[in-house]
Amino acid sequence: MKRKATAIWKGTGLEGSGTLSSPSGFFDKSPYSAKTRFENEDGSKGTNPEEMIAAAHAGCFNMALSFQIAGKDLKADELDTTATVTLEKEEGGFSITGIVLDLKGKVSGMDEAQFTELAEAAKENCPVSKALASVPITLNISFSS
């Protein structure tokens, strides 16, 4: 399986801008720029690579966890994960220095200890976590049955 996205950029790094597109149409010439990336703290004025990594990680993690839960013959009532990607300026440029996954989960018929065990396994084994293994990933869990 292969997935694609296309980025088009025009201009300088500081003053230029670009668009992101994907075959699914999810990104349909979505705008991005240095201004929307670095000068718009809440991210409301356009997307950026870190937001896309956060979305990919939260989605992949939830799907991996749902497979873990299904392996116990249960199904998730709801998995609500927010991924927060931290980008910091370091010597030599910017780096992603950490990712926090904040999970709120509800699974009828499962106890919190088992849910935590499965969530930790999903964090370690989802493909996006594996791809981002060089970055510290923290998992915070809130559970109800």
C-alpha atoms as a PDB file:
ATOM      1  CA  MET A   1       0.000   0.000   0.000  1.00  0.00           C
ATOM      2  CA  LYS A   2       1.254   3.475  -0.856  1.00  0.00           C
ATOM      3  CA  ARG A   3      -0.331   6.813  -0.017  1.00  0.00           C
ATOM      4  CA  LYS A   4       0.511  10.204  -1.531  1.00  0.00           C
ATOM      5  CA  ALA A   5       0.224  13.876  -0.817  1.00  0.00           C
ATOM      6  CA  THR A   6       1.522  16.722  -2.947  1.00  0.00           C
ATOM      7  CA  ALA A   7       3.034  19.971  -1.711  1.00  0.00           C
ATOM      8  CA  ILE A   8       3.490  22.963  -4.011  1.00  0.00           C
ATOM      9  CA  TRP A   9       5.552  25.934  -2.785  1.00  0.00           C
ATOM     10  CA  LYS A  10       6.226  29.321  -4.382  1.00  0.00           C
ATOM     11  CA  GLY A  11       8.555  32.007  -3.088  1.00  0.00           C
ATOM     12  CA  THR A  12      11.052  32.215  -0.258  1.00  0.00           C
ATOM     13  CA  GLY A  13      10.818  30.209   2.943  1.00  0.00           C
ATOM     14  CA  LEU A  14       9.824  33.244   4.973  1.00  0.00           C
ATOM     15  CA  GLU A  15       7.503  35.042   2.567  1.00  0.00           C
ATOM     16  CA  GLY A  16       6.393  32.250   0.258  1.00  0.00           C
ATOM     17  CA  SER A  17       3.381  30.029   0.526  1.00  0.00           C
ATOM     18  CA  GLY A  18       2.129  26.729  -0.720  1.00  0.00           C
ATOM     19  CA  THR A  19      -0.710  24.293  -0.952  1.00  0.00           C
ATOM     20  CA  LEU A  20      -1.138  20.674   0.061  1.00  0.00           C
ATOM     21  CA  SER A  21      -3.313  18.224  -1.860  1.00  0.00           C
ATOM     22  CA  SER A  22      -4.143  14.538  -1.614  1.00  0.00           C
ATOM     23  CA  PRO A  23      -5.976  12.088  -3.877  1.00  0.00           C
ATOM     24  CA  SER A  24      -8.726  11.609  -1.269  1.00  0.00           C
ATOM     25  CA  GLY A  25      -9.516  15.328  -1.471  1.00  0.00           C
ATOM     26  CA  PHE A  26      -8.971  15.748   2.263  1.00  0.00           C
ATOM     27  CA  PHE A  27      -6.239  18.213   1.445  1.00  0.00           C
ATOM     28  CA  ASP A  28      -7.609  20.082  -1.545  1.00  0.00           C
ATOM     29  CA  LYS A  29      -5.069  22.822  -2.116  1.00  0.00           C
ATOM     30  CA  SER A  30      -4.973  23.539   1.632  1.00  0.00           C
ATOM     31  CA  PRO A  31      -2.819  26.631   2.207  1.00  0.00           C
ATOM     32  CA  TYR A  32       0.315  26.660   4.321  1.00  0.00           C
ATOM     33  CA  SER A  33       3.130  29.133   4.893  1.00  0.00           C
ATOM     34  CA  ALA A  34       5.782  30.158   7.406  1.00  0.00           C
ATOM     35  CA  LYS A  35       3.360  32.734   8.768  1.00  0.00           C
ATOM     36  CA  THR A  36       0.607  30.180   9.389  1.00  0.00           C
ATOM     37  CA  ARG A  37       3.167  27.736  10.765  1.00  0.00           C
ATOM     38  CA  PHE A  38       5.150  29.967  13.116  1.00  0.00           C
ATOM     39  CA  GLU A  39       3.072  33.087  13.772  1.00  0.00           C
ATOM     40  CA  ASN A  40      -0.355  31.536  14.339  1.00  0.00           C
ATOM     41  CA  GLU A  41      -0.129  29.691  17.658  1.00  0.00           C
ATOM     42  CA  ASP A  42      -3.638  28.207  17.571  1.00  0.00           C
ATOM     43  CA  GLY A  43      -3.262  26.998  13.974  1.00  0.00           C
ATOM     44  CA  SER A  44      -6.562  28.467  12.830  1.00  0.00           C
ATOM     45  CA  LYS A  45      -5.193  30.304   9.763  1.00  0.00           C
ATOM     46  CA  GLY A  46      -3.865  27.312   7.834  1.00  0.00           C
ATOM     47  CA  THR A  47      -2.363  23.886   8.239  1.00  0.00           C
ATOM     48  CA  ASN A  48       1.253  22.942   8.796  1.00  0.00           C
ATOM     49  CA  PRO A  49       3.326  19.761   8.795  1.00  0.00           C
ATOM     50  CA  GLU A  50       3.135  19.366  12.585  1.00  0.00           C
ATOM     51  CA  GLU A  51      -0.672  19.492  12.541  1.00  0.00           C
ATOM     52  CA  MET A  52      -0.722  16.803   9.861  1.00  0.00           C
ATOM     53  CA  ILE A  53       1.652  14.624  11.895  1.00  0.00           C
ATOM     54  CA  ALA A  54      -0.608  15.094  14.932  1.00  0.00           C
ATOM     55  CA  ALA A  55      -3.717  14.117  12.948  1.00  0.00           C
ATOM     56  CA  ALA A  56      -1.988  11.097  11.431  1.00  0.00           C
ATOM     57  CA  HIS A  57      -0.700   9.946  14.807  1.00  0.00           C
ATOM     58  CA  ALA A  58      -4.028  10.352  16.639  1.00  0.00           C
ATOM     59  CA  GLY A  59      -5.893   8.532  13.867  1.00  0.00           C
ATOM     60  CA  CYS A  60      -3.390   5.702  13.549  1.00  0.00           C
ATOM     61  CA  PHE A  61      -3.197   5.235  17.327  1.00  0.00           C
ATOM     62  CA  ASN A  62      -6.997   5.051  17.713  1.00  0.00           C
ATOM     63  CA  MET A  63      -7.263   2.496  14.925  1.00  0.00           C
ATOM     64  CA  ALA A  64      -4.434   0.388  16.385  1.00  0.00           C
ATOM     65  CA  LEU A  65      -6.055   0.517  19.820  1.00  0.00           C
ATOM     66  CA  SER A  66      -9.428  -0.494  18.393  1.00  0.00           C
ATOM     67  CA  PHE A  67      -7.763  -3.592  16.883  1.00  0.00           C
ATOM     68  CA  GLN A  68      -6.165  -4.371  20.270  1.00  0.00           C
ATOM     69  CA  ILE A  69      -9.574  -4.102  21.940  1.00  0.00           C
ATOM     70  CA  ALA A  70     -11.243  -6.239  19.261  1.00  0.00           C
ATOM     71  CA  GLY A  71      -8.606  -8.885  19.967  1.00  0.00           C
ATOM     72  CA  LYS A  72     -10.219  -9.196  23.420  1.00  0.00           C
ATOM     73  CA  ASP A  73     -13.662  -9.697  21.803  1.00  0.00           C
ATOM     74  CA  LEU A  74     -14.781  -6.207  22.831  1.00  0.00           C
ATOM     75  CA  LYS A  75     -15.376  -2.991  20.972  1.00  0.00           C
ATOM     76  CA  ALA A  76     -14.641   0.570  21.931  1.00  0.00           C
ATOM     77  CA  ASP A  77     -17.633   2.718  22.792  1.00  0.00           C
ATOM     78  CA  GLU A  78     -15.403   5.715  22.052  1.00  0.00           C
ATOM     79  CA  LEU A  79     -11.717   6.496  21.677  1.00  0.00           C
ATOM     80  CA  ASP A  80     -10.996  10.233  21.714  1.00  0.00           C
ATOM     81  CA  THR A  81      -7.308  11.036  21.222  1.00  0.00           C
ATOM     82  CA  THR A  82      -5.681  14.425  20.881  1.00  0.00           C
ATOM     83  CA  ALA A  83      -2.086  14.346  19.666  1.00  0.00           C
ATOM     84  CA  THR A  84       0.033  17.398  20.465  1.00  0.00           C
ATOM     85  CA  VAL A  85       3.252  17.774  18.488  1.00  0.00           C
ATOM     86  CA  THR A  86       5.853  20.135  19.957  1.00  0.00           C
ATOM     87  CA  LEU A  87       8.150  21.976  17.537  1.00  0.00           C
ATOM     88  CA  GLU A  88      11.049  23.881  19.089  1.00  0.00           C
ATOM     89  CA  LYS A  89      13.861  25.993  17.744  1.00  0.00           C
ATOM     90  CA  GLU A  90      17.167  24.392  18.555  1.00  0.00           C
ATOM     91  CA  GLU A  91      20.724  24.969  17.503  1.00  0.00           C
ATOM     92  CA  GLY A  92      20.802  24.364  13.787  1.00  0.00           C
ATOM     93  CA  GLY A  93      17.062  24.773  13.168  1.00  0.00           C
ATOM     94  CA  PHE A  94      13.715  23.470  14.299  1.00  0.00           C
ATOM     95  CA  SER A  95      13.004  20.000  15.653  1.00  0.00           C
ATOM     96  CA  ILE A  96       9.981  18.040  16.761  1.00  0.00           C
ATOM     97  CA  THR A  97      10.901  17.420  20.390  1.00  0.00           C
ATOM     98  CA  GLY A  98       7.931  15.449  21.628  1.00  0.00           C
ATOM     99  CA  ILE A  99       4.440  14.152  21.030  1.00  0.00           C
ATOM    100  CA  VAL A 100       1.754  13.784  23.686  1.00  0.00           C
ATOM    101  CA  LEU A 101      -1.215  11.509  23.086  1.00  0.00           C
ATOM    102  CA  ASP A 102      -4.126  12.406  25.376  1.00  0.00           C
ATOM    103  CA  LEU A 103      -6.558   9.496  25.254  1.00  0.00           C
ATOM    104  CA  LYS A 104     -10.080   9.392  26.647  1.00  0.00           C
ATOM    105  CA  GLY A 105     -11.485   5.915  26.252  1.00  0.00           C
ATOM    106  CA  LYS A 106     -14.693   4.140  27.049  1.00  0.00           C
ATOM    107  CA  VAL A 107     -14.960   0.375  26.606  1.00  0.00           C
ATOM    108  CA  SER A 108     -17.864  -1.454  28.186  1.00  0.00           C
ATOM    109  CA  GLY A 109     -16.770  -4.719  29.806  1.00  0.00           C
ATOM    110  CA  MET A 110     -13.078  -3.826  30.096  1.00  0.00           C
ATOM    111  CA  ASP A 111     -11.203  -2.767  33.211  1.00  0.00           C
ATOM    112  CA  GLU A 112      -8.790   0.136  33.367  1.00  0.00           C
ATOM    113  CA  ALA A 113      -5.657  -2.003  33.796  1.00  0.00           C
ATOM    114  CA  GLN A 114      -6.379  -3.993  30.645  1.00  0.00           C
ATOM    115  CA  PHE A 115      -7.258  -0.819  28.724  1.00  0.00           C
ATOM    116  CA  THR A 116      -3.989   0.798  29.805  1.00  0.00           C
ATOM    117  CA  GLU A 117      -2.012  -2.278  28.731  1.00  0.00           C
ATOM    118  CA  LEU A 118      -3.663  -2.285  25.309  1.00  0.00           C
ATOM    119  CA  ALA A 119      -3.230   1.478  24.887  1.00  0.00           C
ATOM    120  CA  GLU A 120       0.493   1.204  25.650  1.00  0.00           C
ATOM    121  CA  ALA A 121       0.809  -1.604  23.088  1.00  0.00           C
ATOM    122  CA  ALA A 122      -1.011   0.509  20.488  1.00  0.00           C
ATOM    123  CA  LYS A 123       1.280   3.458  21.222  1.00  0.00           C
ATOM    124  CA  GLU A 124       4.359   1.307  20.643  1.00  0.00           C
ATOM    125  CA  ASN A 125       3.071  -0.554  17.607  1.00  0.00           C
ATOM    126  CA  CYS A 126       0.960   1.743  15.457  1.00  0.00           C
ATOM    127  CA  PRO A 127       2.816   2.461  12.187  1.00  0.00           C
ATOM    128  CA  VAL A 128       2.981   6.213  12.816  1.00  0.00           C
ATOM    129  CA  SER A 129       4.489   5.689  16.293  1.00  0.00           C
ATOM    130  CA  LYS A 130       7.071   3.407  14.732  1.00  0.00           C
ATOM    131  CA  ALA A 131       7.889   6.009  12.073  1.00  0.00           C
ATOM    132  CA  LEU A 132       8.296   8.652  14.771  1.00  0.00           C
ATOM    133  CA  ALA A 133      10.342   6.451  17.117  1.00  0.00           C
ATOM    134  CA  SER A 134      13.151   9.028  17.355  1.00  0.00           C
ATOM    135  CA  VAL A 135      10.741  11.424  19.110  1.00  0.00           C
ATOM    136  CA  PRO A 136       9.656  10.927  22.747  1.00  0.00           C
ATOM    137  CA  ILE A 137       5.960   9.930  22.801  1.00  0.00           C
ATOM    138  CA  THR A 138       3.953  10.335  26.013  1.00  0.00           C
ATOM    139  CA  LEU A 139       0.568   8.714  26.569  1.00  0.00           C
ATOM    140  CA  ASN A 140      -1.951  10.124  29.063  1.00  0.00           C
ATOM    141  CA  ILE A 141      -5.033   7.981  29.664  1.00  0.00           C
ATOM    142  CA  SER A 142      -8.488   8.730  31.010  1.00  0.00           C
ATOM    143  CA  PHE A 143     -10.723   5.635  31.068  1.00  0.00           C
ATOM    144  CA  SER A 144     -14.320   4.786  31.818  1.00  0.00           C
ATOM    145  CA  SER A 145     -16.122   1.485  31.386  1.00  0.00           C
END
